[in-house]
Amino acid sequence: MDTVLLCGGCMEEDFVKQALEKIQPDCVIGIDKGLEFCYRNQIVPQYILGDFDSIDRQVLAYYENQEEIPVKRYQPEKDASDTRIGLELALKLKSTRIFLLGATGGRLDHYMANLQSLLVPLKYGAQAWILDPQNAVTVLDRGRKIRRQELPGKYVSFFSMGDRVEGITLTGFKYPLTDYTLNNDDGIAVSNELAREEAEVSFTKGRLLMIFSKDKA
């Protein structure tokens, strides 16, 4: 099951619409200010949640009057961000792939919280991605193959999401690595590129932040 979270960060309308068209999600969760995108584009989410401290009141009232849509309201003083709560809802719904749109831009503390949230689905055998016009970001707990056609640009970067990632091997990359220990203060795996149509990353221990990116046009 594929679920999209429409979050309250920066939304580039054309990019988000294209992403929704490509993903064809089974479920859409509108989160706080992300509902304004839904309203502008006549999108009916399956769930709505947030503390609603930043949304246009007219938009919120419109959706609250749609009785068929569950609305979960939270106090601003809470132990998790709206996006994290939305991610946990997606996991309760048995989502296997979760895409966060509008999860970047603006406040860095929110962005860091969203990055940390990418770790949560791994416990459930699921995977989450943060997508914006320049980047696609996820966390791996095992190796995988990477095809050039899935990249938004030419760059692929890796970082440790913990103290270290052990035994990392990059095959088919412009800058290969073999059985390398990547510490969380190590920048050796930034701005790599594929050297052929398909490459592979593998590692023996740890969790690996993977970022596909491109320069701004």
N, C-alpha and C. Protein backbone atom coordinates (compact mmCIF):
# COMPACT_ATOMS: atom_id res chain seq x y z
N MET A 1 0.84 -1.20 0.00
CA MET A 1 0.00 0.00 0.00
C MET A 1 0.87 1.24 0.00
N ASP A 2 0.59 2.16 -0.90
CA ASP A 2 1.34 3.41 -1.00
C ASP A 2 0.52 4.55 -0.39
N THR A 3 1.16 5.30 0.50
CA THR A 3 0.49 6.43 1.16
C THR A 3 1.32 7.68 0.97
N VAL A 4 0.65 8.78 0.67
CA VAL A 4 1.30 10.09 0.55
C VAL A 4 0.87 10.97 1.71
N LEU A 5 1.85 11.61 2.35
CA LEU A 5 1.59 12.61 3.37
C LEU A 5 1.82 13.98 2.75
N LEU A 6 0.78 14.80 2.72
CA LEU A 6 0.91 16.17 2.25
C LEU A 6 1.15 17.06 3.46
N CYS A 7 2.40 17.48 3.64
CA CYS A 7 2.83 18.13 4.87
C CYS A 7 2.78 19.66 4.73
N GLY A 8 3.18 20.35 5.79
CA GLY A 8 3.02 21.79 5.86
C GLY A 8 4.21 22.61 5.45
N GLY A 9 5.22 21.98 4.82
CA GLY A 9 6.39 22.72 4.37
C GLY A 9 6.17 23.37 3.02
N CYS A 10 7.25 23.59 2.29
CA CYS A 10 7.16 24.24 0.99
C CYS A 10 6.57 23.28 -0.05
N MET A 11 5.55 23.74 -0.74
CA MET A 11 4.89 22.95 -1.78
C MET A 11 5.07 23.66 -3.13
N GLU A 12 5.78 23.03 -4.05
CA GLU A 12 5.80 23.52 -5.43
C GLU A 12 4.71 22.79 -6.18
N GLU A 13 3.67 23.52 -6.56
CA GLU A 13 2.44 22.92 -7.05
C GLU A 13 2.68 21.90 -8.17
N ASP A 14 3.44 22.30 -9.19
CA ASP A 14 3.62 21.40 -10.33
C ASP A 14 4.33 20.13 -9.92
N PHE A 15 5.36 20.26 -9.09
CA PHE A 15 6.09 19.07 -8.66
C PHE A 15 5.20 18.13 -7.87
N VAL A 16 4.43 18.67 -6.92
CA VAL A 16 3.58 17.82 -6.08
C VAL A 16 2.51 17.12 -6.93
N LYS A 17 1.93 17.84 -7.87
CA LYS A 17 0.92 17.22 -8.73
C LYS A 17 1.53 16.12 -9.58
N GLN A 18 2.74 16.35 -10.10
CA GLN A 18 3.41 15.32 -10.89
C GLN A 18 3.75 14.10 -10.04
N ALA A 19 4.19 14.35 -8.80
CA ALA A 19 4.52 13.23 -7.90
C ALA A 19 3.28 12.40 -7.59
N LEU A 20 2.16 13.05 -7.33
CA LEU A 20 0.93 12.33 -7.06
C LEU A 20 0.49 11.51 -8.27
N GLU A 21 0.64 12.08 -9.43
CA GLU A 21 0.27 11.37 -10.66
C GLU A 21 1.14 10.14 -10.86
N LYS A 22 2.43 10.27 -10.54
CA LYS A 22 3.35 9.14 -10.71
C LYS A 22 3.12 8.07 -9.66
N ILE A 23 2.93 8.47 -8.41
CA ILE A 23 2.78 7.50 -7.31
C ILE A 23 1.44 6.80 -7.36
N GLN A 24 0.38 7.53 -7.72
CA GLN A 24 -0.97 6.98 -7.69
C GLN A 24 -1.26 6.33 -6.33
N PRO A 25 -1.22 7.12 -5.26
CA PRO A 25 -1.30 6.54 -3.91
C PRO A 25 -2.65 5.90 -3.61
N ASP A 26 -2.61 4.90 -2.74
CA ASP A 26 -3.84 4.28 -2.24
C ASP A 26 -4.49 5.14 -1.17
N CYS A 27 -3.67 5.96 -0.50
CA CYS A 27 -4.17 6.78 0.61
C CYS A 27 -3.42 8.11 0.62
N VAL A 28 -4.17 9.20 0.87
CA VAL A 28 -3.58 10.53 1.04
C VAL A 28 -3.96 11.04 2.43
N ILE A 29 -2.96 11.50 3.17
CA ILE A 29 -3.18 12.08 4.49
C ILE A 29 -2.81 13.55 4.42
N GLY A 30 -3.77 14.42 4.67
CA GLY A 30 -3.54 15.86 4.67
C GLY A 30 -3.13 16.32 6.06
N ILE A 31 -1.98 16.95 6.15
CA ILE A 31 -1.41 17.32 7.44
C ILE A 31 -1.33 18.84 7.57
N ASP A 32 -2.12 19.38 8.48
CA ASP A 32 -2.12 20.80 8.81
C ASP A 32 -2.13 21.66 7.54
N LYS A 33 -1.12 22.50 7.34
CA LYS A 33 -1.12 23.45 6.22
C LYS A 33 -1.10 22.74 4.86
N GLY A 34 -0.70 21.47 4.84
CA GLY A 34 -0.75 20.71 3.61
C GLY A 34 -2.15 20.60 3.04
N LEU A 35 -3.15 20.79 3.89
CA LEU A 35 -4.53 20.78 3.42
C LEU A 35 -4.82 21.90 2.44
N GLU A 36 -4.07 23.00 2.53
CA GLU A 36 -4.31 24.10 1.61
C GLU A 36 -4.01 23.69 0.17
N PHE A 37 -3.00 22.84 -0.01
CA PHE A 37 -2.73 22.29 -1.35
C PHE A 37 -3.91 21.45 -1.80
N CYS A 38 -4.43 20.60 -0.91
CA CYS A 38 -5.60 19.78 -1.25
C CYS A 38 -6.76 20.67 -1.69
N TYR A 39 -6.97 21.73 -0.97
CA TYR A 39 -8.10 22.63 -1.25
C TYR A 39 -7.95 23.28 -2.63
N ARG A 40 -6.75 23.76 -2.92
CA ARG A 40 -6.52 24.43 -4.20
C ARG A 40 -6.67 23.48 -5.39
N ASN A 41 -6.39 22.20 -5.15
CA ASN A 41 -6.38 21.23 -6.25
C ASN A 41 -7.51 20.21 -6.15
N GLN A 42 -8.50 20.52 -5.32
CA GLN A 42 -9.70 19.69 -5.20
C GLN A 42 -9.36 18.23 -4.90
N ILE A 43 -8.44 18.04 -3.98
CA ILE A 43 -8.05 16.71 -3.53
C ILE A 43 -8.78 16.38 -2.25
N VAL A 44 -9.37 15.19 -2.20
CA VAL A 44 -10.07 14.74 -1.00
C VAL A 44 -9.20 13.70 -0.30
N PRO A 45 -8.53 14.07 0.79
CA PRO A 45 -7.69 13.10 1.50
C PRO A 45 -8.53 12.08 2.26
N GLN A 46 -7.92 10.93 2.54
CA GLN A 46 -8.63 9.91 3.32
C GLN A 46 -8.61 10.22 4.82
N TYR A 47 -7.57 10.95 5.24
CA TYR A 47 -7.44 11.35 6.65
C TYR A 47 -6.89 12.76 6.71
N ILE A 48 -7.24 13.48 7.78
CA ILE A 48 -6.74 14.82 8.05
C ILE A 48 -6.28 14.86 9.49
N LEU A 49 -5.11 15.45 9.73
CA LEU A 49 -4.64 15.55 11.11
C LEU A 49 -3.73 16.75 11.28
N GLY A 50 -3.54 17.14 12.54
CA GLY A 50 -2.63 18.23 12.86
C GLY A 50 -3.10 19.02 14.06
N ASP A 51 -2.27 19.96 14.48
CA ASP A 51 -2.72 20.90 15.52
C ASP A 51 -3.37 22.13 14.88
N PHE A 52 -3.25 22.23 13.55
CA PHE A 52 -3.93 23.26 12.76
C PHE A 52 -3.61 24.68 13.25
N ASP A 53 -2.34 24.88 13.60
CA ASP A 53 -1.93 26.20 14.07
C ASP A 53 -1.47 27.11 12.94
N SER A 54 -1.37 26.57 11.72
CA SER A 54 -0.85 27.38 10.62
C SER A 54 -1.75 27.36 9.38
N ILE A 55 -2.87 26.68 9.43
CA ILE A 55 -3.72 26.53 8.26
C ILE A 55 -4.75 27.66 8.17
N ASP A 56 -5.13 28.01 6.96
CA ASP A 56 -6.20 28.96 6.73
C ASP A 56 -7.50 28.41 7.34
N ARG A 57 -8.16 29.19 8.17
CA ARG A 57 -9.35 28.72 8.89
C ARG A 57 -10.49 28.35 7.95
N GLN A 58 -10.60 29.04 6.82
CA GLN A 58 -11.64 28.71 5.87
C GLN A 58 -11.42 27.33 5.26
N VAL A 59 -10.17 27.03 4.98
CA VAL A 59 -9.84 25.71 4.43
C VAL A 59 -10.16 24.62 5.44
N LEU A 60 -9.75 24.83 6.69
CA LEU A 60 -10.01 23.83 7.72
C LEU A 60 -11.51 23.62 7.91
N ALA A 61 -12.26 24.71 7.93
CA ALA A 61 -13.71 24.59 8.11
C ALA A 61 -14.34 23.80 6.96
N TYR A 62 -13.85 24.02 5.76
CA TYR A 62 -14.37 23.29 4.60
C TYR A 62 -14.23 21.79 4.79
N TYR A 63 -13.04 21.36 5.20
CA TYR A 63 -12.80 19.92 5.34
C TYR A 63 -13.48 19.36 6.59
N GLU A 64 -13.56 20.14 7.62
CA GLU A 64 -14.25 19.65 8.82
C GLU A 64 -15.73 19.40 8.55
N ASN A 65 -16.27 20.06 7.55
CA ASN A 65 -17.67 19.85 7.19
C ASN A 65 -17.88 18.64 6.28
N GLN A 66 -16.78 18.02 5.86
CA GLN A 66 -16.88 16.80 5.06
C GLN A 66 -16.94 15.60 6.02
N GLU A 67 -18.11 15.17 6.35
CA GLU A 67 -18.28 14.18 7.42
C GLU A 67 -17.62 12.85 7.13
N GLU A 68 -17.39 12.56 5.85
CA GLU A 68 -16.81 11.26 5.51
C GLU A 68 -15.30 11.20 5.74
N ILE A 69 -14.67 12.36 6.04
CA ILE A 69 -13.21 12.39 6.23
C ILE A 69 -12.90 12.47 7.72
N PRO A 70 -12.22 11.47 8.28
CA PRO A 70 -11.84 11.56 9.69
C PRO A 70 -10.84 12.70 9.92
N VAL A 71 -11.12 13.52 10.91
CA VAL A 71 -10.23 14.63 11.28
C VAL A 71 -9.69 14.38 12.67
N LYS A 72 -8.36 14.32 12.79
CA LYS A 72 -7.71 14.10 14.08
C LYS A 72 -7.01 15.40 14.49
N ARG A 73 -7.51 16.02 15.54
CA ARG A 73 -6.97 17.29 16.00
C ARG A 73 -6.11 17.08 17.25
N TYR A 74 -4.94 17.72 17.28
CA TYR A 74 -4.01 17.58 18.39
C TYR A 74 -3.68 18.96 18.96
N GLN A 75 -3.32 18.98 20.22
CA GLN A 75 -2.85 20.22 20.84
C GLN A 75 -1.45 20.56 20.32
N PRO A 76 -1.15 21.85 20.17
CA PRO A 76 0.21 22.23 19.75
C PRO A 76 1.29 21.71 20.69
N GLU A 77 0.96 21.59 21.98
CA GLU A 77 1.92 21.07 22.95
C GLU A 77 1.81 19.55 22.97
N LYS A 78 2.65 18.89 22.19
CA LYS A 78 2.59 17.43 22.07
C LYS A 78 4.00 16.88 21.92
N ASP A 79 4.14 15.56 22.02
CA ASP A 79 5.46 14.94 22.04
C ASP A 79 5.96 14.51 20.67
N ALA A 80 5.19 14.76 19.62
CA ALA A 80 5.60 14.39 18.27
C ALA A 80 5.11 15.44 17.29
N SER A 81 5.82 15.59 16.19
CA SER A 81 5.40 16.54 15.17
C SER A 81 4.16 16.00 14.44
N ASP A 82 3.45 16.89 13.76
CA ASP A 82 2.30 16.45 12.96
C ASP A 82 2.72 15.42 11.92
N THR A 83 3.86 15.64 11.29
CA THR A 83 4.32 14.71 10.26
C THR A 83 4.61 13.34 10.85
N ARG A 84 5.24 13.31 12.02
CA ARG A 84 5.52 12.02 12.66
C ARG A 84 4.21 11.29 13.00
N ILE A 85 3.22 12.01 13.47
CA ILE A 85 1.93 11.40 13.78
C ILE A 85 1.29 10.85 12.50
N GLY A 86 1.42 11.61 11.40
CA GLY A 86 0.90 11.14 10.12
C GLY A 86 1.62 9.89 9.63
N LEU A 87 2.92 9.84 9.84
CA LEU A 87 3.71 8.68 9.45
C LEU A 87 3.27 7.45 10.24
N GLU A 88 3.05 7.62 11.53
CA GLU A 88 2.62 6.50 12.35
C GLU A 88 1.22 6.04 11.96
N LEU A 89 0.35 6.97 11.57
CA LEU A 89 -0.96 6.58 11.07
C LEU A 89 -0.82 5.76 9.79
N ALA A 90 0.05 6.18 8.89
CA ALA A 90 0.27 5.44 7.65
C ALA A 90 0.74 4.02 7.94
N LEU A 91 1.56 3.85 8.95
CA LEU A 91 2.04 2.51 9.30
C LEU A 91 0.92 1.67 9.91
N LYS A 92 0.05 2.29 10.71
CA LYS A 92 -1.10 1.56 11.26
C LYS A 92 -2.03 1.07 10.15
N LEU A 93 -2.05 1.83 9.05
CA LEU A 93 -2.87 1.44 7.91
C LEU A 93 -2.20 0.39 7.04
N LYS A 94 -1.03 -0.10 7.47
CA LYS A 94 -0.28 -1.15 6.77
C LYS A 94 0.36 -0.66 5.47
N SER A 95 0.74 0.60 5.44
CA SER A 95 1.44 1.12 4.27
C SER A 95 2.83 0.50 4.17
N THR A 96 3.23 0.15 2.97
CA THR A 96 4.57 -0.39 2.76
C THR A 96 5.52 0.66 2.17
N ARG A 97 4.95 1.64 1.47
CA ARG A 97 5.74 2.77 0.98
C ARG A 97 5.01 4.05 1.35
N ILE A 98 5.77 5.00 1.92
CA ILE A 98 5.20 6.26 2.40
C ILE A 98 6.03 7.39 1.80
N PHE A 99 5.35 8.36 1.20
CA PHE A 99 6.02 9.48 0.55
C PHE A 99 5.60 10.77 1.23
N LEU A 100 6.59 11.55 1.67
CA LEU A 100 6.36 12.82 2.34
C LEU A 100 6.59 13.94 1.34
N LEU A 101 5.53 14.68 1.04
CA LEU A 101 5.61 15.83 0.16
C LEU A 101 5.35 17.08 0.99
N GLY A 102 6.08 18.15 0.72
CA GLY A 102 5.97 19.35 1.56
C GLY A 102 6.64 19.17 2.90
N ALA A 103 7.66 18.33 2.94
CA ALA A 103 8.36 18.04 4.20
C ALA A 103 9.70 18.76 4.29
N THR A 104 10.01 19.61 3.32
CA THR A 104 11.27 20.37 3.34
C THR A 104 10.98 21.85 3.17
N GLY A 105 12.00 22.65 3.31
CA GLY A 105 11.84 24.10 3.22
C GLY A 105 11.43 24.68 4.56
N GLY A 106 11.78 25.93 4.78
CA GLY A 106 11.39 26.56 6.04
C GLY A 106 12.28 26.15 7.18
N ARG A 107 11.68 25.76 8.29
CA ARG A 107 12.41 25.54 9.53
C ARG A 107 13.27 24.27 9.49
N LEU A 108 14.54 24.42 9.88
CA LEU A 108 15.46 23.28 9.88
C LEU A 108 15.12 22.27 10.97
N ASP A 109 14.55 22.72 12.09
CA ASP A 109 14.20 21.76 13.14
C ASP A 109 13.11 20.81 12.65
N HIS A 110 12.15 21.33 11.88
CA HIS A 110 11.13 20.46 11.32
C HIS A 110 11.74 19.48 10.31
N TYR A 111 12.67 19.98 9.51
CA TYR A 111 13.31 19.10 8.52
C TYR A 111 14.10 17.99 9.20
N MET A 112 14.84 18.32 10.27
CA MET A 112 15.59 17.29 10.99
C MET A 112 14.64 16.26 11.61
N ALA A 113 13.52 16.72 12.16
CA ALA A 113 12.55 15.79 12.72
C ALA A 113 12.01 14.86 11.63
N ASN A 114 11.78 15.41 10.45
CA ASN A 114 11.28 14.59 9.34
C ASN A 114 12.33 13.57 8.89
N LEU A 115 13.60 13.98 8.87
CA LEU A 115 14.67 13.03 8.52
C LEU A 115 14.72 11.89 9.53
N GLN A 116 14.64 12.20 10.81
CA GLN A 116 14.66 11.16 11.83
C GLN A 116 13.47 10.23 11.69
N SER A 117 12.34 10.77 11.27
CA SER A 117 11.13 9.95 11.13
C SER A 117 11.29 8.87 10.06
N LEU A 118 12.22 9.07 9.13
CA LEU A 118 12.43 8.06 8.08
C LEU A 118 12.92 6.73 8.65
N LEU A 119 13.45 6.76 9.87
CA LEU A 119 13.91 5.52 10.50
C LEU A 119 12.75 4.65 10.96
N VAL A 120 11.63 5.27 11.30
CA VAL A 120 10.53 4.54 11.95
C VAL A 120 9.96 3.41 11.09
N PRO A 121 9.67 3.64 9.80
CA PRO A 121 9.06 2.56 9.01
C PRO A 121 9.90 1.31 8.88
N LEU A 122 11.22 1.43 9.04
CA LEU A 122 12.08 0.25 8.90
C LEU A 122 11.71 -0.82 9.91
N LYS A 123 11.20 -0.43 11.09
CA LYS A 123 10.80 -1.40 12.11
C LYS A 123 9.62 -2.24 11.66
N TYR A 124 8.89 -1.75 10.67
CA TYR A 124 7.68 -2.41 10.19
C TYR A 124 7.87 -3.03 8.80
N GLY A 125 9.09 -3.05 8.34
CA GLY A 125 9.36 -3.58 7.01
C GLY A 125 8.89 -2.67 5.90
N ALA A 126 8.70 -1.38 6.20
CA ALA A 126 8.25 -0.40 5.22
C ALA A 126 9.37 0.59 4.95
N GLN A 127 9.14 1.46 3.97
CA GLN A 127 10.15 2.46 3.62
C GLN A 127 9.46 3.79 3.36
N ALA A 128 10.07 4.86 3.84
CA ALA A 128 9.54 6.21 3.63
C ALA A 128 10.54 7.05 2.84
N TRP A 129 10.00 7.95 2.04
CA TRP A 129 10.80 8.86 1.23
C TRP A 129 10.35 10.29 1.48
N ILE A 130 11.29 11.22 1.56
CA ILE A 130 11.01 12.65 1.48
C ILE A 130 11.32 13.08 0.05
N LEU A 131 10.35 13.70 -0.60
CA LEU A 131 10.51 14.13 -1.98
C LEU A 131 10.32 15.64 -2.09
N ASP A 132 11.20 16.30 -2.82
CA ASP A 132 10.98 17.69 -3.22
C ASP A 132 11.58 17.86 -4.61
N PRO A 133 11.47 19.04 -5.22
CA PRO A 133 11.91 19.17 -6.61
C PRO A 133 13.37 18.86 -6.87
N GLN A 134 14.22 18.91 -5.85
CA GLN A 134 15.65 18.65 -6.06
C GLN A 134 16.15 17.36 -5.43
N ASN A 135 15.36 16.74 -4.57
CA ASN A 135 15.88 15.64 -3.77
C ASN A 135 14.86 14.52 -3.57
N ALA A 136 15.39 13.32 -3.42
CA ALA A 136 14.62 12.17 -2.95
C ALA A 136 15.46 11.52 -1.86
N VAL A 137 14.91 11.41 -0.65
CA VAL A 137 15.69 11.02 0.52
C VAL A 137 15.02 9.84 1.21
N THR A 138 15.81 8.83 1.58
CA THR A 138 15.29 7.70 2.32
C THR A 138 16.39 7.13 3.21
N VAL A 139 16.03 6.16 4.05
CA VAL A 139 16.99 5.46 4.90
C VAL A 139 16.92 3.98 4.57
N LEU A 140 18.09 3.37 4.42
CA LEU A 140 18.19 1.94 4.12
C LEU A 140 18.67 1.16 5.33
N ASP A 141 18.10 -0.03 5.52
CA ASP A 141 18.64 -0.95 6.52
C ASP A 141 19.23 -2.19 5.86
N ARG A 142 19.29 -2.17 4.55
CA ARG A 142 19.92 -3.24 3.78
C ARG A 142 20.33 -2.67 2.43
N GLY A 143 21.17 -3.41 1.70
CA GLY A 143 21.65 -2.94 0.42
C GLY A 143 20.55 -2.95 -0.63
N ARG A 144 20.83 -2.26 -1.73
CA ARG A 144 19.87 -2.23 -2.84
C ARG A 144 20.58 -1.81 -4.11
N LYS A 145 19.94 -2.12 -5.23
CA LYS A 145 20.41 -1.68 -6.53
C LYS A 145 19.79 -0.33 -6.85
N ILE A 146 20.53 0.47 -7.59
CA ILE A 146 20.08 1.81 -7.97
C ILE A 146 20.18 1.92 -9.48
N ARG A 147 19.09 2.27 -10.12
CA ARG A 147 19.05 2.42 -11.57
C ARG A 147 19.05 3.91 -11.94
N ARG A 148 19.78 4.22 -12.97
CA ARG A 148 19.92 5.61 -13.37
C ARG A 148 18.56 6.25 -13.65
N GLN A 149 17.63 5.47 -14.17
CA GLN A 149 16.33 6.03 -14.55
C GLN A 149 15.50 6.49 -13.36
N GLU A 150 15.82 6.03 -12.14
CA GLU A 150 15.04 6.44 -10.98
C GLU A 150 15.60 7.69 -10.31
N LEU A 151 16.73 8.19 -10.79
CA LEU A 151 17.36 9.35 -10.16
C LEU A 151 16.75 10.65 -10.67
N PRO A 152 16.48 11.61 -9.78
CA PRO A 152 16.00 12.92 -10.22
C PRO A 152 17.11 13.76 -10.85
N GLY A 153 18.36 13.43 -10.55
CA GLY A 153 19.52 14.12 -11.08
C GLY A 153 20.68 13.15 -11.13
N LYS A 154 21.90 13.68 -11.16
CA LYS A 154 23.04 12.77 -11.31
C LYS A 154 23.72 12.40 -10.00
N TYR A 155 23.34 13.04 -8.89
CA TYR A 155 24.09 12.84 -7.65
C TYR A 155 23.41 11.84 -6.71
N VAL A 156 24.25 11.03 -6.05
CA VAL A 156 23.80 10.11 -5.01
C VAL A 156 24.76 10.27 -3.83
N SER A 157 24.22 10.55 -2.65
CA SER A 157 25.05 10.73 -1.46
C SER A 157 24.60 9.79 -0.37
N PHE A 158 25.55 9.39 0.49
CA PHE A 158 25.26 8.48 1.60
C PHE A 158 25.83 9.04 2.90
N PHE A 159 25.06 8.88 3.97
CA PHE A 159 25.48 9.31 5.30
C PHE A 159 25.06 8.24 6.31
N SER A 160 25.80 8.15 7.38
CA SER A 160 25.42 7.23 8.45
C SER A 160 24.29 7.84 9.28
N MET A 161 23.23 7.06 9.52
CA MET A 161 22.15 7.47 10.42
C MET A 161 22.35 6.76 11.76
N GLY A 162 23.46 7.04 12.37
CA GLY A 162 23.88 6.42 13.62
C GLY A 162 25.36 6.67 13.77
N ASP A 163 26.01 5.95 14.66
CA ASP A 163 27.44 6.15 14.84
C ASP A 163 28.23 5.80 13.59
N ARG A 164 27.83 4.71 12.93
CA ARG A 164 28.59 4.27 11.75
C ARG A 164 27.77 3.27 10.94
N VAL A 165 28.15 3.15 9.68
CA VAL A 165 27.67 2.06 8.82
C VAL A 165 28.90 1.25 8.44
N GLU A 166 28.85 -0.04 8.72
CA GLU A 166 30.02 -0.90 8.52
C GLU A 166 29.89 -1.70 7.22
N GLY A 167 31.05 -1.95 6.62
CA GLY A 167 31.12 -2.82 5.45
C GLY A 167 30.47 -2.25 4.21
N ILE A 168 30.41 -0.93 4.09
CA ILE A 168 29.74 -0.36 2.93
C ILE A 168 30.58 -0.56 1.67
N THR A 169 29.93 -1.05 0.64
CA THR A 169 30.57 -1.27 -0.65
C THR A 169 29.71 -0.62 -1.73
N LEU A 170 30.32 0.21 -2.54
CA LEU A 170 29.65 0.88 -3.65
C LEU A 170 30.20 0.33 -4.95
N THR A 171 29.35 -0.33 -5.72
CA THR A 171 29.75 -0.95 -6.97
C THR A 171 29.01 -0.28 -8.12
N GLY A 172 29.73 0.05 -9.17
CA GLY A 172 29.10 0.69 -10.32
C GLY A 172 28.99 2.20 -10.17
N PHE A 173 29.71 2.77 -9.21
CA PHE A 173 29.72 4.21 -8.98
C PHE A 173 31.00 4.83 -9.53
N LYS A 174 30.96 6.12 -9.79
CA LYS A 174 32.15 6.86 -10.23
C LYS A 174 33.24 6.80 -9.17
N TYR A 175 32.83 6.86 -7.88
CA TYR A 175 33.78 6.76 -6.78
C TYR A 175 33.41 5.53 -5.95
N PRO A 176 33.98 4.37 -6.25
CA PRO A 176 33.61 3.14 -5.54
C PRO A 176 34.22 3.07 -4.14
N LEU A 177 33.61 2.25 -3.31
CA LEU A 177 34.14 1.93 -1.98
C LEU A 177 34.05 0.42 -1.80
N THR A 178 34.96 -0.12 -0.99
CA THR A 178 34.93 -1.55 -0.69
C THR A 178 35.11 -1.78 0.80
N ASP A 179 34.12 -2.37 1.41
CA ASP A 179 34.17 -2.75 2.83
C ASP A 179 34.62 -1.58 3.70
N TYR A 180 33.99 -0.46 3.52
CA TYR A 180 34.38 0.79 4.19
C TYR A 180 33.48 1.03 5.41
N THR A 181 34.05 1.57 6.47
CA THR A 181 33.26 1.99 7.63
C THR A 181 32.99 3.48 7.53
N LEU A 182 31.72 3.82 7.37
CA LEU A 182 31.30 5.21 7.20
C LEU A 182 30.82 5.76 8.53
N ASN A 183 31.61 6.63 9.13
CA ASN A 183 31.23 7.25 10.41
C ASN A 183 30.32 8.44 10.17
N ASN A 184 29.65 8.90 11.24
CA ASN A 184 28.68 9.97 11.06
C ASN A 184 29.32 11.35 10.90
N ASP A 185 30.63 11.44 10.95
CA ASP A 185 31.32 12.70 10.66
C ASP A 185 32.15 12.58 9.38
N ASP A 186 31.83 11.60 8.55
CA ASP A 186 32.61 11.28 7.36
C ASP A 186 31.86 11.74 6.11
N GLY A 187 32.51 12.55 5.29
CA GLY A 187 31.87 13.07 4.08
C GLY A 187 32.35 12.42 2.80
N ILE A 188 32.97 11.24 2.90
CA ILE A 188 33.56 10.62 1.71
C ILE A 188 32.50 10.20 0.69
N ALA A 189 31.26 9.98 1.13
CA ALA A 189 30.24 9.45 0.23
C ALA A 189 29.28 10.52 -0.27
N VAL A 190 29.70 11.77 -0.24
CA VAL A 190 28.86 12.87 -0.72
C VAL A 190 29.07 13.08 -2.22
N SER A 191 27.97 13.35 -2.94
CA SER A 191 28.02 13.73 -4.36
C SER A 191 28.71 12.69 -5.23
N ASN A 192 28.34 11.44 -5.02
CA ASN A 192 28.80 10.38 -5.92
C ASN A 192 27.92 10.37 -7.16
N GLU A 193 28.32 9.58 -8.16
CA GLU A 193 27.55 9.46 -9.39
C GLU A 193 27.59 8.01 -9.88
N LEU A 194 26.57 7.62 -10.62
CA LEU A 194 26.59 6.29 -11.21
C LEU A 194 27.55 6.27 -12.40
N ALA A 195 28.32 5.19 -12.50
CA ALA A 195 29.24 5.03 -13.62
C ALA A 195 28.64 4.18 -14.72
N ARG A 196 27.50 3.54 -14.44
CA ARG A 196 26.80 2.75 -15.44
C ARG A 196 25.30 2.82 -15.15
N GLU A 197 24.52 2.13 -15.94
CA GLU A 197 23.07 2.26 -15.83
C GLU A 197 22.52 1.71 -14.52
N GLU A 198 23.21 0.75 -13.92
CA GLU A 198 22.77 0.20 -12.65
C GLU A 198 23.97 0.05 -11.72
N ALA A 199 23.81 0.51 -10.50
CA ALA A 199 24.85 0.41 -9.48
C ALA A 199 24.25 -0.28 -8.25
N GLU A 200 25.11 -0.57 -7.28
CA GLU A 200 24.63 -1.26 -6.08
C GLU A 200 25.36 -0.75 -4.85
N VAL A 201 24.60 -0.55 -3.77
CA VAL A 201 25.17 -0.25 -2.47
C VAL A 201 24.85 -1.42 -1.55
N SER A 202 25.84 -1.87 -0.79
CA SER A 202 25.63 -2.92 0.19
C SER A 202 26.40 -2.56 1.46
N PHE A 203 25.94 -3.10 2.59
CA PHE A 203 26.63 -2.88 3.85
C PHE A 203 26.23 -3.97 4.82
N THR A 204 27.04 -4.14 5.86
CA THR A 204 26.83 -5.26 6.78
C THR A 204 26.15 -4.86 8.08
N LYS A 205 26.25 -3.58 8.45
CA LYS A 205 25.68 -3.15 9.73
C LYS A 205 25.42 -1.65 9.71
N GLY A 206 24.28 -1.25 10.30
CA GLY A 206 23.96 0.16 10.42
C GLY A 206 22.76 0.55 9.58
N ARG A 207 22.48 1.85 9.57
CA ARG A 207 21.40 2.40 8.77
C ARG A 207 21.94 3.56 7.97
N LEU A 208 21.61 3.56 6.69
CA LEU A 208 22.27 4.43 5.73
C LEU A 208 21.27 5.42 5.15
N LEU A 209 21.56 6.71 5.33
CA LEU A 209 20.77 7.76 4.71
C LEU A 209 21.22 7.90 3.26
N MET A 210 20.27 7.78 2.33
CA MET A 210 20.58 7.88 0.90
C MET A 210 19.82 9.07 0.32
N ILE A 211 20.55 9.93 -0.39
CA ILE A 211 19.96 11.13 -0.98
C ILE A 211 20.26 11.15 -2.47
N PHE A 212 19.20 11.14 -3.27
CA PHE A 212 19.31 11.41 -4.69
C PHE A 212 19.08 12.91 -4.87
N SER A 213 19.92 13.59 -5.62
CA SER A 213 19.75 15.04 -5.72
C SER A 213 20.22 15.58 -7.07
N LYS A 214 19.79 16.81 -7.33
CA LYS A 214 20.22 17.52 -8.51
C LYS A 214 20.37 19.00 -8.17
N ASP A 215 21.16 19.70 -8.98
CA ASP A 215 21.32 21.13 -8.80
C ASP A 215 20.02 21.85 -9.19
N LYS A 216 19.80 22.99 -8.58
CA LYS A 216 18.62 23.78 -8.93
C LYS A 216 18.79 24.38 -10.30
N ALA A 217 17.75 24.27 -11.11
CA ALA A 217 17.83 24.78 -12.48
C ALA A 217 17.92 26.30 -12.49
